[in-house]
């Protein structure tokens, strides 16, 4: 196929498609937590992250039908500073090492 035979594509007119270009205000509203465990995490997140060596907080199912709060730490010496549970939900520490945001 030569250059002359290649199909030609046209850029669609954005106005005809109903698209507006240019800056827009962006003010997202925080969504409410999807689950009870997420609410618990939100209530305790600041205190957990204040513990030196804590780098992340999440949750997952650790046993059939049982969730736990997962706290990532930089090394094993931080594990003994974590609570065993928060509001009845078990807390499990995992050594993740340092996590750097991209």
PDB file of N, CA and C in Angstrom:
ATOM      1  N   UNK A   1       0.851  -1.167   0.000  1.00  0.00           N
ATOM      2  CA  UNK A   1       0.000   0.000   0.000  1.00  0.00           C
ATOM      3  C   UNK A   1       0.902   1.237   0.000  1.00  0.00           C
ATOM      4  N   UNK A   2       0.639   2.131  -0.894  1.00  0.00           N
ATOM      5  CA  UNK A   2       1.423   3.359  -0.965  1.00  0.00           C
ATOM      6  C   UNK A   2       0.744   4.439  -0.135  1.00  0.00           C
ATOM      7  N   UNK A   3       1.464   5.536   0.047  1.00  0.00           N
ATOM      8  CA  UNK A   3       0.889   6.652   0.806  1.00  0.00           C
ATOM      9  C   UNK A   3      -0.395   7.155   0.163  1.00  0.00           C
ATOM     10  N   UNK A   4      -0.461   7.124  -1.141  1.00  0.00           N
ATOM     11  CA  UNK A   4      -1.648   7.610  -1.842  1.00  0.00           C
ATOM     12  C   UNK A   4      -2.842   6.699  -1.590  1.00  0.00           C
ATOM     13  N   UNK A   5      -2.600   5.411  -1.304  1.00  0.00           N
ATOM     14  CA  UNK A   5      -3.689   4.456  -1.100  1.00  0.00           C
ATOM     15  C   UNK A   5      -4.161   4.386   0.349  1.00  0.00           C
ATOM     16  N   UNK A   6      -3.414   4.976   1.270  1.00  0.00           N
ATOM     17  CA  UNK A   6      -3.795   4.891   2.683  1.00  0.00           C
ATOM     18  C   UNK A   6      -5.071   5.679   2.931  1.00  0.00           C
ATOM     19  N   UNK A   7      -5.957   5.136   3.790  1.00  0.00           N
ATOM     20  CA  UNK A   7      -7.201   5.854   4.074  1.00  0.00           C
ATOM     21  C   UNK A   7      -6.905   7.170   4.793  1.00  0.00           C
ATOM     22  N   UNK A   8      -7.694   8.151   4.498  1.00  0.00           N
ATOM     23  CA  UNK A   8      -7.538   9.461   5.121  1.00  0.00           C
ATOM     24  C   UNK A   8      -8.591   9.616   6.223  1.00  0.00           C
ATOM     25  N   UNK A   9      -8.146  10.042   7.381  1.00  0.00           N
ATOM     26  CA  UNK A   9      -9.048  10.251   8.504  1.00  0.00           C
ATOM     27  C   UNK A   9      -9.143  11.734   8.795  1.00  0.00           C
ATOM     28  N   UNK A  10     -10.342  12.162   9.108  1.00  0.00           N
ATOM     29  CA  UNK A  10     -10.536  13.563   9.453  1.00  0.00           C
ATOM     30  C   UNK A  10     -10.816  13.670  10.948  1.00  0.00           C
ATOM     31  N   UNK A  11     -10.271  14.703  11.534  1.00  0.00           N
ATOM     32  CA  UNK A  11     -10.537  14.955  12.945  1.00  0.00           C
ATOM     33  C   UNK A  11     -11.975  15.450  13.065  1.00  0.00           C
ATOM     34  N   UNK A  12     -12.782  14.814  13.940  1.00  0.00           N
ATOM     35  CA  UNK A  12     -14.175  15.246  14.059  1.00  0.00           C
ATOM     36  C   UNK A  12     -14.276  16.642  14.661  1.00  0.00           C
ATOM     37  N   UNK A  13     -15.316  17.337  14.272  1.00  0.00           N
ATOM     38  CA  UNK A  13     -15.593  18.658  14.817  1.00  0.00           C
ATOM     39  C   UNK A  13     -16.107  18.477  16.240  1.00  0.00           C
ATOM     40  N   UNK A  14     -15.365  18.988  17.219  1.00  0.00           N
ATOM     41  CA  UNK A  14     -15.719  18.767  18.621  1.00  0.00           C
ATOM     42  C   UNK A  14     -17.023  19.457  18.997  1.00  0.00           C
ATOM     43  N   UNK A  15     -17.335  20.590  18.355  1.00  0.00           N
ATOM     44  CA  UNK A  15     -18.588  21.285  18.642  1.00  0.00           C
ATOM     45  C   UNK A  15     -19.776  20.446  18.178  1.00  0.00           C
ATOM     46  N   UNK A  16     -19.644  19.816  17.024  1.00  0.00           N
ATOM     47  CA  UNK A  16     -20.717  18.957  16.513  1.00  0.00           C
ATOM     48  C   UNK A  16     -20.944  17.754  17.417  1.00  0.00           C
ATOM     49  N   UNK A  17     -19.891  17.301  18.077  1.00  0.00           N
ATOM     50  CA  UNK A  17     -20.006  16.167  18.987  1.00  0.00           C
ATOM     51  C   UNK A  17     -20.495  16.583  20.372  1.00  0.00           C
ATOM     52  N   UNK A  18     -20.643  17.888  20.593  1.00  0.00           N
ATOM     53  CA  UNK A  18     -21.099  18.356  21.885  1.00  0.00           C
ATOM     54  C   UNK A  18     -19.992  18.451  22.918  1.00  0.00           C
ATOM     55  N   UNK A  19     -18.747  18.478  22.455  1.00  0.00           N
ATOM     56  CA  UNK A  19     -17.617  18.574  23.379  1.00  0.00           C
ATOM     57  C   UNK A  19     -17.176  20.016  23.492  1.00  0.00           C
ATOM     58  N   UNK A  20     -16.950  20.450  24.698  1.00  0.00           N
ATOM     59  CA  UNK A  20     -16.444  21.798  24.922  1.00  0.00           C
ATOM     60  C   UNK A  20     -14.982  21.699  25.324  1.00  0.00           C
ATOM     61  N   UNK A  21     -14.186  22.574  24.795  1.00  0.00           N
ATOM     62  CA  UNK A  21     -12.773  22.585  25.125  1.00  0.00           C
ATOM     63  C   UNK A  21     -12.483  23.767  26.034  1.00  0.00           C
ATOM     64  N   UNK A  22     -11.376  23.696  26.725  1.00  0.00           N
ATOM     65  CA  UNK A  22     -10.970  24.802  27.576  1.00  0.00           C
ATOM     66  C   UNK A  22     -11.015  24.401  29.032  1.00  0.00           C
ATOM     67  N   UNK A  23     -10.564  25.310  29.900  1.00  0.00           N
ATOM     68  CA  UNK A  23     -10.519  24.994  31.326  1.00  0.00           C
ATOM     69  C   UNK A  23     -11.918  24.840  31.909  1.00  0.00           C
ATOM     70  N   UNK A  24     -12.017  23.957  32.879  1.00  0.00           N
ATOM     71  CA  UNK A  24     -13.280  23.724  33.573  1.00  0.00           C
ATOM     72  C   UNK A  24     -13.014  23.689  35.070  1.00  0.00           C
ATOM     73  N   UNK A  25     -14.008  24.066  35.819  1.00  0.00           N
ATOM     74  CA  UNK A  25     -13.905  23.940  37.267  1.00  0.00           C
ATOM     75  C   UNK A  25     -14.035  22.472  37.633  1.00  0.00           C
ATOM     76  N   UNK A  26     -13.221  22.047  38.571  1.00  0.00           N
ATOM     77  CA  UNK A  26     -13.290  20.666  39.042  1.00  0.00           C
ATOM     78  C   UNK A  26     -13.336  20.689  40.557  1.00  0.00           C
ATOM     79  N   UNK A  27     -14.486  20.359  41.086  1.00  0.00           N
ATOM     80  CA  UNK A  27     -14.672  20.345  42.533  1.00  0.00           C
ATOM     81  C   UNK A  27     -15.374  19.051  42.922  1.00  0.00           C
ATOM     82  N   UNK A  28     -14.627  17.957  42.961  1.00  0.00           N
ATOM     83  CA  UNK A  28     -15.283  16.684  43.305  1.00  0.00           C
ATOM     84  C   UNK A  28     -15.737  16.688  44.753  1.00  0.00           C
ATOM     85  N   UNK A  29     -16.832  16.034  44.969  1.00  0.00           N
ATOM     86  CA  UNK A  29     -17.308  15.872  46.342  1.00  0.00           C
ATOM     87  C   UNK A  29     -16.876  14.491  46.811  1.00  0.00           C
ATOM     88  N   UNK A  30     -16.334  14.397  48.022  1.00  0.00           N
ATOM     89  CA  UNK A  30     -15.908  13.085  48.493  1.00  0.00           C
ATOM     90  C   UNK A  30     -17.092  12.135  48.556  1.00  0.00           C
ATOM     91  N   UNK A  31     -16.884  10.947  48.062  1.00  0.00           N
ATOM     92  CA  UNK A  31     -17.961   9.969  48.101  1.00  0.00           C
ATOM     93  C   UNK A  31     -17.976   9.292  49.466  1.00  0.00           C
ATOM     94  N   UNK A  32     -19.152   8.926  49.912  1.00  0.00           N
ATOM     95  CA  UNK A  32     -19.225   8.248  51.204  1.00  0.00           C
ATOM     96  C   UNK A  32     -18.575   6.873  51.105  1.00  0.00           C
ATOM     97  N   UNK A  33     -18.080   6.354  52.217  1.00  0.00           N
ATOM     98  CA  UNK A  33     -17.463   5.024  52.178  1.00  0.00           C
ATOM     99  C   UNK A  33     -18.454   3.970  51.712  1.00  0.00           C
ATOM    100  N   UNK A  34     -17.950   2.984  50.976  1.00  0.00           N
ATOM    101  CA  UNK A  34     -18.802   1.930  50.442  1.00  0.00           C
ATOM    102  C   UNK A  34     -19.111   0.846  51.463  1.00  0.00           C
ATOM    103  N   UNK A  35     -18.323   0.768  52.517  1.00  0.00           N
ATOM    104  CA  UNK A  35     -18.550  -0.292  53.477  1.00  0.00           C
ATOM    105  C   UNK A  35     -18.225   0.188  54.880  1.00  0.00           C
ATOM    106  N   UNK A  36     -18.647  -0.603  55.848  1.00  0.00           N
ATOM    107  CA  UNK A  36     -18.393  -0.275  57.242  1.00  0.00           C
ATOM    108  C   UNK A  36     -16.895  -0.228  57.522  1.00  0.00           C
ATOM    109  N   UNK A  37     -16.148  -1.142  56.939  1.00  0.00           N
ATOM    110  CA  UNK A  37     -14.704  -1.175  57.188  1.00  0.00           C
ATOM    111  C   UNK A  37     -14.022   0.072  56.628  1.00  0.00           C
ATOM    112  N   UNK A  38     -14.500   0.591  55.502  1.00  0.00           N
ATOM    113  CA  UNK A  38     -13.940   1.825  54.958  1.00  0.00           C
ATOM    114  C   UNK A  38     -14.226   3.005  55.886  1.00  0.00           C
ATOM    115  N   UNK A  39     -15.383   3.007  56.520  1.00  0.00           N
ATOM    116  CA  UNK A  39     -15.706   4.052  57.498  1.00  0.00           C
ATOM    117  C   UNK A  39     -14.752   3.980  58.685  1.00  0.00           C
ATOM    118  N   UNK A  40     -14.468   2.777  59.141  1.00  0.00           N
ATOM    119  CA  UNK A  40     -13.543   2.599  60.260  1.00  0.00           C
ATOM    120  C   UNK A  40     -12.154   3.091  59.867  1.00  0.00           C
ATOM    121  N   UNK A  41     -11.716   2.746  58.662  1.00  0.00           N
ATOM    122  CA  UNK A  41     -10.413   3.196  58.182  1.00  0.00           C
ATOM    123  C   UNK A  41     -10.368   4.720  58.140  1.00  0.00           C
ATOM    124  N   UNK A  42     -11.409   5.356  57.623  1.00  0.00           N
ATOM    125  CA  UNK A  42     -11.437   6.817  57.549  1.00  0.00           C
ATOM    126  C   UNK A  42     -11.317   7.439  58.940  1.00  0.00           C
ATOM    127  N   UNK A  43     -11.979   6.857  59.924  1.00  0.00           N
ATOM    128  CA  UNK A  43     -11.939   7.412  61.278  1.00  0.00           C
ATOM    129  C   UNK A  43     -10.559   7.274  61.921  1.00  0.00           C
ATOM    130  N   UNK A  44      -9.803   6.243  61.567  1.00  0.00           N
ATOM    131  CA  UNK A  44      -8.532   5.964  62.228  1.00  0.00           C
ATOM    132  C   UNK A  44      -7.302   6.212  61.351  1.00  0.00           C
ATOM    133  N   UNK A  45      -7.512   6.578  60.105  1.00  0.00           N
ATOM    134  CA  UNK A  45      -6.404   6.714  59.157  1.00  0.00           C
ATOM    135  C   UNK A  45      -5.333   7.694  59.638  1.00  0.00           C
ATOM    136  N   UNK A  46      -5.712   8.863  60.094  1.00  0.00           N
ATOM    137  CA  UNK A  46      -4.738   9.866  60.518  1.00  0.00           C
ATOM    138  C   UNK A  46      -3.881   9.347  61.669  1.00  0.00           C
ATOM    139  N   UNK A  47      -4.500   8.666  62.632  1.00  0.00           N
ATOM    140  CA  UNK A  47      -3.739   8.133  63.766  1.00  0.00           C
ATOM    141  C   UNK A  47      -2.788   7.024  63.329  1.00  0.00           C
ATOM    142  N   UNK A  48      -3.235   6.179  62.412  1.00  0.00           N
ATOM    143  CA  UNK A  48      -2.360   5.103  61.936  1.00  0.00           C
ATOM    144  C   UNK A  48      -1.175   5.661  61.148  1.00  0.00           C
ATOM    145  N   UNK A  49      -1.447   6.626  60.274  1.00  0.00           N
ATOM    146  CA  UNK A  49      -0.378   7.204  59.468  1.00  0.00           C
ATOM    147  C   UNK A  49       0.587   8.039  60.303  1.00  0.00           C
ATOM    148  N   UNK A  50       0.165   8.435  61.486  1.00  0.00           N
ATOM    149  CA  UNK A  50       1.050   9.191  62.383  1.00  0.00           C
ATOM    150  C   UNK A  50       2.080   8.290  63.056  1.00  0.00           C
ATOM    151  N   UNK A  51       1.883   6.983  63.007  1.00  0.00           N
ATOM    152  CA  UNK A  51       2.848   6.051  63.580  1.00  0.00           C
ATOM    153  C   UNK A  51       4.069   6.027  62.662  1.00  0.00           C
ATOM    154  N   UNK A  52       5.250   6.358  63.186  1.00  0.00           N
ATOM    155  CA  UNK A  52       6.442   6.341  62.328  1.00  0.00           C
ATOM    156  C   UNK A  52       6.651   4.963  61.694  1.00  0.00           C
ATOM    157  N   UNK A  53       6.824   4.963  60.376  1.00  0.00           N
ATOM    158  CA  UNK A  53       7.056   3.719  59.656  1.00  0.00           C
ATOM    159  C   UNK A  53       5.829   3.161  58.957  1.00  0.00           C
ATOM    160  N   UNK A  54       4.637   3.713  59.219  1.00  0.00           N
ATOM    161  CA  UNK A  54       3.426   3.268  58.510  1.00  0.00           C
ATOM    162  C   UNK A  54       3.383   3.986  57.175  1.00  0.00           C
ATOM    163  N   UNK A  55       3.197   3.216  56.088  1.00  0.00           N
ATOM    164  CA  UNK A  55       3.224   3.809  54.745  1.00  0.00           C
ATOM    165  C   UNK A  55       1.913   3.655  53.970  1.00  0.00           C
ATOM    166  N   UNK A  56       1.033   2.778  54.409  1.00  0.00           N
ATOM    167  CA  UNK A  56      -0.244   2.628  53.696  1.00  0.00           C
ATOM    168  C   UNK A  56      -1.262   1.904  54.561  1.00  0.00           C
ATOM    169  N   UNK A  57      -2.545   2.126  54.214  1.00  0.00           N
ATOM    170  CA  UNK A  57      -3.646   1.473  54.920  1.00  0.00           C
ATOM    171  C   UNK A  57      -4.645   1.018  53.878  1.00  0.00           C
ATOM    172  N   UNK A  58      -5.112  -0.201  54.032  1.00  0.00           N
ATOM    173  CA  UNK A  58      -6.085  -0.761  53.100  1.00  0.00           C
ATOM    174  C   UNK A  58      -6.921  -1.790  53.844  1.00  0.00           C
ATOM    175  N   UNK A  59      -7.695  -2.558  53.112  1.00  0.00           N
ATOM    176  CA  UNK A  59      -8.421  -3.674  53.716  1.00  0.00           C
ATOM    177  C   UNK A  59      -8.607  -4.760  52.680  1.00  0.00           C
ATOM    178  N   UNK A  60      -8.822  -5.970  53.169  1.00  0.00           N
ATOM    179  CA  UNK A  60      -9.096  -7.084  52.263  1.00  0.00           C
ATOM    180  C   UNK A  60      -9.671  -8.242  53.059  1.00  0.00           C
ATOM    181  N   UNK A  61     -10.195  -9.190  52.348  1.00  0.00           N
ATOM    182  CA  UNK A  61     -10.722 -10.403  52.966  1.00  0.00           C
ATOM    183  C   UNK A  61      -9.534 -11.297  53.290  1.00  0.00           C
ATOM    184  N   UNK A  62      -9.416 -11.696  54.543  1.00  0.00           N
ATOM    185  CA  UNK A  62      -8.280 -12.514  54.966  1.00  0.00           C
ATOM    186  C   UNK A  62      -8.683 -13.946  55.272  1.00  0.00           C
ATOM    187  N   UNK A  63      -9.943 -14.155  55.498  1.00  0.00           N
ATOM    188  CA  UNK A  63     -10.507 -15.487  55.705  1.00  0.00           C
ATOM    189  C   UNK A  63     -11.881 -15.452  55.054  1.00  0.00           C
ATOM    190  N   UNK A  64     -12.472 -16.574  54.788  1.00  0.00           N
ATOM    191  CA  UNK A  64     -13.812 -16.532  54.187  1.00  0.00           C
ATOM    192  C   UNK A  64     -14.748 -15.647  55.014  1.00  0.00           C
ATOM    193  N   UNK A  65     -15.301 -14.636  54.360  1.00  0.00           N
ATOM    194  CA  UNK A  65     -16.263 -13.711  54.951  1.00  0.00           C
ATOM    195  C   UNK A  65     -15.705 -12.909  56.121  1.00  0.00           C
ATOM    196  N   UNK A  66     -14.391 -12.745  56.211  1.00  0.00           N
ATOM    197  CA  UNK A  66     -13.793 -11.964  57.284  1.00  0.00           C
ATOM    198  C   UNK A  66     -12.789 -10.983  56.697  1.00  0.00           C
ATOM    199  N   UNK A  67     -13.037  -9.691  56.953  1.00  0.00           N
ATOM    200  CA  UNK A  67     -12.145  -8.654  56.467  1.00  0.00           C
ATOM    201  C   UNK A  67     -11.194  -8.220  57.567  1.00  0.00           C
ATOM    202  N   UNK A  68     -10.079  -7.640  57.151  1.00  0.00           N
ATOM    203  CA  UNK A  68      -9.116  -7.082  58.089  1.00  0.00           C
ATOM    204  C   UNK A  68      -8.593  -5.773  57.509  1.00  0.00           C
ATOM    205  N   UNK A  69      -8.165  -4.895  58.408  1.00  0.00           N
ATOM    206  CA  UNK A  69      -7.495  -3.671  57.999  1.00  0.00           C
ATOM    207  C   UNK A  69      -6.024  -4.030  57.817  1.00  0.00           C
ATOM    208  N   UNK A  70      -5.476  -3.705  56.663  1.00  0.00           N
ATOM    209  CA  UNK A  70      -4.094  -4.018  56.343  1.00  0.00           C
ATOM    210  C   UNK A  70      -3.285  -2.725  56.453  1.00  0.00           C
ATOM    211  N   UNK A  71      -2.214  -2.786  57.240  1.00  0.00           N
ATOM    212  CA  UNK A  71      -1.358  -1.619  57.434  1.00  0.00           C
ATOM    213  C   UNK A  71       0.033  -1.982  56.925  1.00  0.00           C
ATOM    214  N   UNK A  72       0.482  -1.270  55.893  1.00  0.00           N
ATOM    215  CA  UNK A  72       1.812  -1.492  55.354  1.00  0.00           C
ATOM    216  C   UNK A  72       2.836  -0.691  56.131  1.00  0.00           C
ATOM    217  N   UNK A  73       3.938  -1.334  56.469  1.00  0.00           N
ATOM    218  CA  UNK A  73       4.998  -0.684  57.251  1.00  0.00           C
ATOM    219  C   UNK A  73       6.338  -0.863  56.546  1.00  0.00           C
ATOM    220  N   UNK A  74       7.300   0.002  56.897  1.00  0.00           N
ATOM    221  CA  UNK A  74       8.586  -0.050  56.203  1.00  0.00           C
ATOM    222  C   UNK A  74       9.458  -1.217  56.639  1.00  0.00           C
ATOM    223  N   UNK A  75       9.321  -1.652  57.906  1.00  0.00           N
ATOM    224  CA  UNK A  75      10.094  -2.815  58.361  1.00  0.00           C
ATOM    225  C   UNK A  75       9.401  -3.454  59.559  1.00  0.00           C
ATOM    226  N   UNK A  76       9.855  -4.622  59.936  1.00  0.00           N
ATOM    227  CA  UNK A  76       9.195  -5.422  60.968  1.00  0.00           C
ATOM    228  C   UNK A  76       9.204  -4.765  62.341  1.00  0.00           C
ATOM    229  N   UNK A  77      10.117  -3.845  62.589  1.00  0.00           N
ATOM    230  CA  UNK A  77      10.158  -3.208  63.913  1.00  0.00           C
ATOM    231  C   UNK A  77       8.931  -2.336  64.166  1.00  0.00           C
ATOM    232  N   UNK A  78       8.235  -1.963  63.128  1.00  0.00           N
ATOM    233  CA  UNK A  78       7.048  -1.113  63.268  1.00  0.00           C
ATOM    234  C   UNK A  78       5.816  -1.943  63.652  1.00  0.00           C
ATOM    235  N   UNK A  79       5.821  -3.219  63.358  1.00  0.00           N
ATOM    236  CA  UNK A  79       4.641  -4.060  63.568  1.00  0.00           C
ATOM    237  C   UNK A  79       4.133  -4.032  65.001  1.00  0.00           C
ATOM    238  N   UNK A  80       5.033  -3.973  65.990  1.00  0.00           N
ATOM    239  CA  UNK A  80       4.590  -4.010  67.384  1.00  0.00           C
ATOM    240  C   UNK A  80       3.954  -2.699  67.833  1.00  0.00           C
ATOM    241  N   UNK A  81       3.988  -1.656  67.010  1.00  0.00           N
ATOM    242  CA  UNK A  81       3.342  -0.384  67.342  1.00  0.00           C
ATOM    243  C   UNK A  81       1.886  -0.320  66.858  1.00  0.00           C
ATOM    244  N   UNK A  82       1.472  -1.317  66.096  1.00  0.00           N
ATOM    245  CA  UNK A  82       0.122  -1.312  65.528  1.00  0.00           C
ATOM    246  C   UNK A  82      -0.883  -1.884  66.521  1.00  0.00           C
ATOM    247  N   UNK A  83      -2.127  -1.370  66.487  1.00  0.00           N
ATOM    248  CA  UNK A  83      -3.157  -1.966  67.332  1.00  0.00           C
ATOM    249  C   UNK A  83      -3.533  -3.345  66.801  1.00  0.00           C
ATOM    250  N   UNK A  84      -4.052  -4.209  67.669  1.00  0.00           N
ATOM    251  CA  UNK A  84      -4.506  -5.538  67.240  1.00  0.00           C
ATOM    252  C   UNK A  84      -5.829  -5.477  66.497  1.00  0.00           C
ATOM    253  N   UNK A  85      -6.633  -4.484  66.855  1.00  0.00           N
ATOM    254  CA  UNK A  85      -7.938  -4.338  66.212  1.00  0.00           C
ATOM    255  C   UNK A  85      -8.390  -2.890  66.319  1.00  0.00           C
ATOM    256  N   UNK A  86      -9.314  -2.509  65.450  1.00  0.00           N
ATOM    257  CA  UNK A  86      -9.955  -1.196  65.491  1.00  0.00           C
ATOM    258  C   UNK A  86     -11.456  -1.411  65.365  1.00  0.00           C
ATOM    259  N   UNK A  87     -12.180  -1.017  66.397  1.00  0.00           N
ATOM    260  CA  UNK A  87     -13.640  -1.150  66.411  1.00  0.00           C
ATOM    261  C   UNK A  87     -14.075  -2.580  66.083  1.00  0.00           C
ATOM    262  N   UNK A  88     -13.321  -3.540  66.606  1.00  0.00           N
ATOM    263  CA  UNK A  88     -13.661  -4.939  66.411  1.00  0.00           C
ATOM    264  C   UNK A  88     -13.138  -5.573  65.135  1.00  0.00           C
ATOM    265  N   UNK A  89     -12.513  -4.788  64.275  1.00  0.00           N
ATOM    266  CA  UNK A  89     -11.964  -5.319  63.018  1.00  0.00           C
ATOM    267  C   UNK A  89     -10.478  -5.594  63.234  1.00  0.00           C
ATOM    268  N   UNK A  90     -10.020  -6.809  62.922  1.00  0.00           N
ATOM    269  CA  UNK A  90      -8.601  -7.112  63.116  1.00  0.00           C
ATOM    270  C   UNK A  90      -7.702  -6.246  62.234  1.00  0.00           C
ATOM    271  N   UNK A  91      -6.534  -5.895  62.786  1.00  0.00           N
ATOM    272  CA  UNK A  91      -5.529  -5.136  62.043  1.00  0.00           C
ATOM    273  C   UNK A  91      -4.359  -6.074  61.794  1.00  0.00           C
ATOM    274  N   UNK A  92      -3.941  -6.142  60.530  1.00  0.00           N
ATOM    275  CA  UNK A  92      -2.796  -6.978  60.166  1.00  0.00           C
ATOM    276  C   UNK A  92      -1.721  -6.098  59.545  1.00  0.00           C
ATOM    277  N   UNK A  93      -0.541  -6.169  60.086  1.00  0.00           N
ATOM    278  CA  UNK A  93       0.574  -5.420  59.537  1.00  0.00           C
ATOM    279  C   UNK A  93       1.318  -6.235  58.505  1.00  0.00           C
ATOM    280  N   UNK A  94       1.767  -5.570  57.445  1.00  0.00           N
ATOM    281  CA  UNK A  94       2.551  -6.238  56.411  1.00  0.00           C
ATOM    282  C   UNK A  94       3.749  -5.366  56.091  1.00  0.00           C
ATOM    283  N   UNK A  95       4.915  -5.963  56.048  1.00  0.00           N
ATOM    284  CA  UNK A  95       6.131  -5.234  55.702  1.00  0.00           C
ATOM    285  C   UNK A  95       6.140  -5.027  54.189  1.00  0.00           C
ATOM    286  N   UNK A  96       5.995  -3.773  53.782  1.00  0.00           N
ATOM    287  CA  UNK A  96       5.964  -3.426  52.362  1.00  0.00           C
ATOM    288  C   UNK A  96       7.225  -2.699  51.934  1.00  0.00           C
ATOM    289  N   UNK A  97       7.971  -2.188  52.914  1.00  0.00           N
ATOM    290  CA  UNK A  97       9.088  -1.313  52.587  1.00  0.00           C
ATOM    291  C   UNK A  97       8.555   0.072  52.296  1.00  0.00           C
ATOM    292  N   UNK A  98       9.440   0.959  51.923  1.00  0.00           N
ATOM    293  CA  UNK A  98       9.034   2.333  51.610  1.00  0.00           C
ATOM    294  C   UNK A  98       8.223   2.342  50.323  1.00  0.00           C
ATOM    295  N   UNK A  99       7.149   3.096  50.299  1.00  0.00           N
ATOM    296  CA  UNK A  99       6.324   3.242  49.101  1.00  0.00           C
ATOM    297  C   UNK A  99       6.452   4.678  48.635  1.00  0.00           C
ATOM    298  N   UNK A 100       6.880   4.867  47.403  1.00  0.00           N
ATOM    299  CA  UNK A 100       7.032   6.205  46.838  1.00  0.00           C
ATOM    300  C   UNK A 100       5.943   6.423  45.805  1.00  0.00           C
ATOM    301  N   UNK A 101       5.220   7.527  45.958  1.00  0.00           N
ATOM    302  CA  UNK A 101       4.188   7.872  44.989  1.00  0.00           C
ATOM    303  C   UNK A 101       4.838   8.307  43.685  1.00  0.00           C
ATOM    304  N   UNK A 102       4.199   7.966  42.594  1.00  0.00           N
ATOM    305  CA  UNK A 102       4.741   8.354  41.289  1.00  0.00           C
ATOM    306  C   UNK A 102       4.378   9.763  40.956  1.00  0.00           C
TER     307      UNK A 102
END
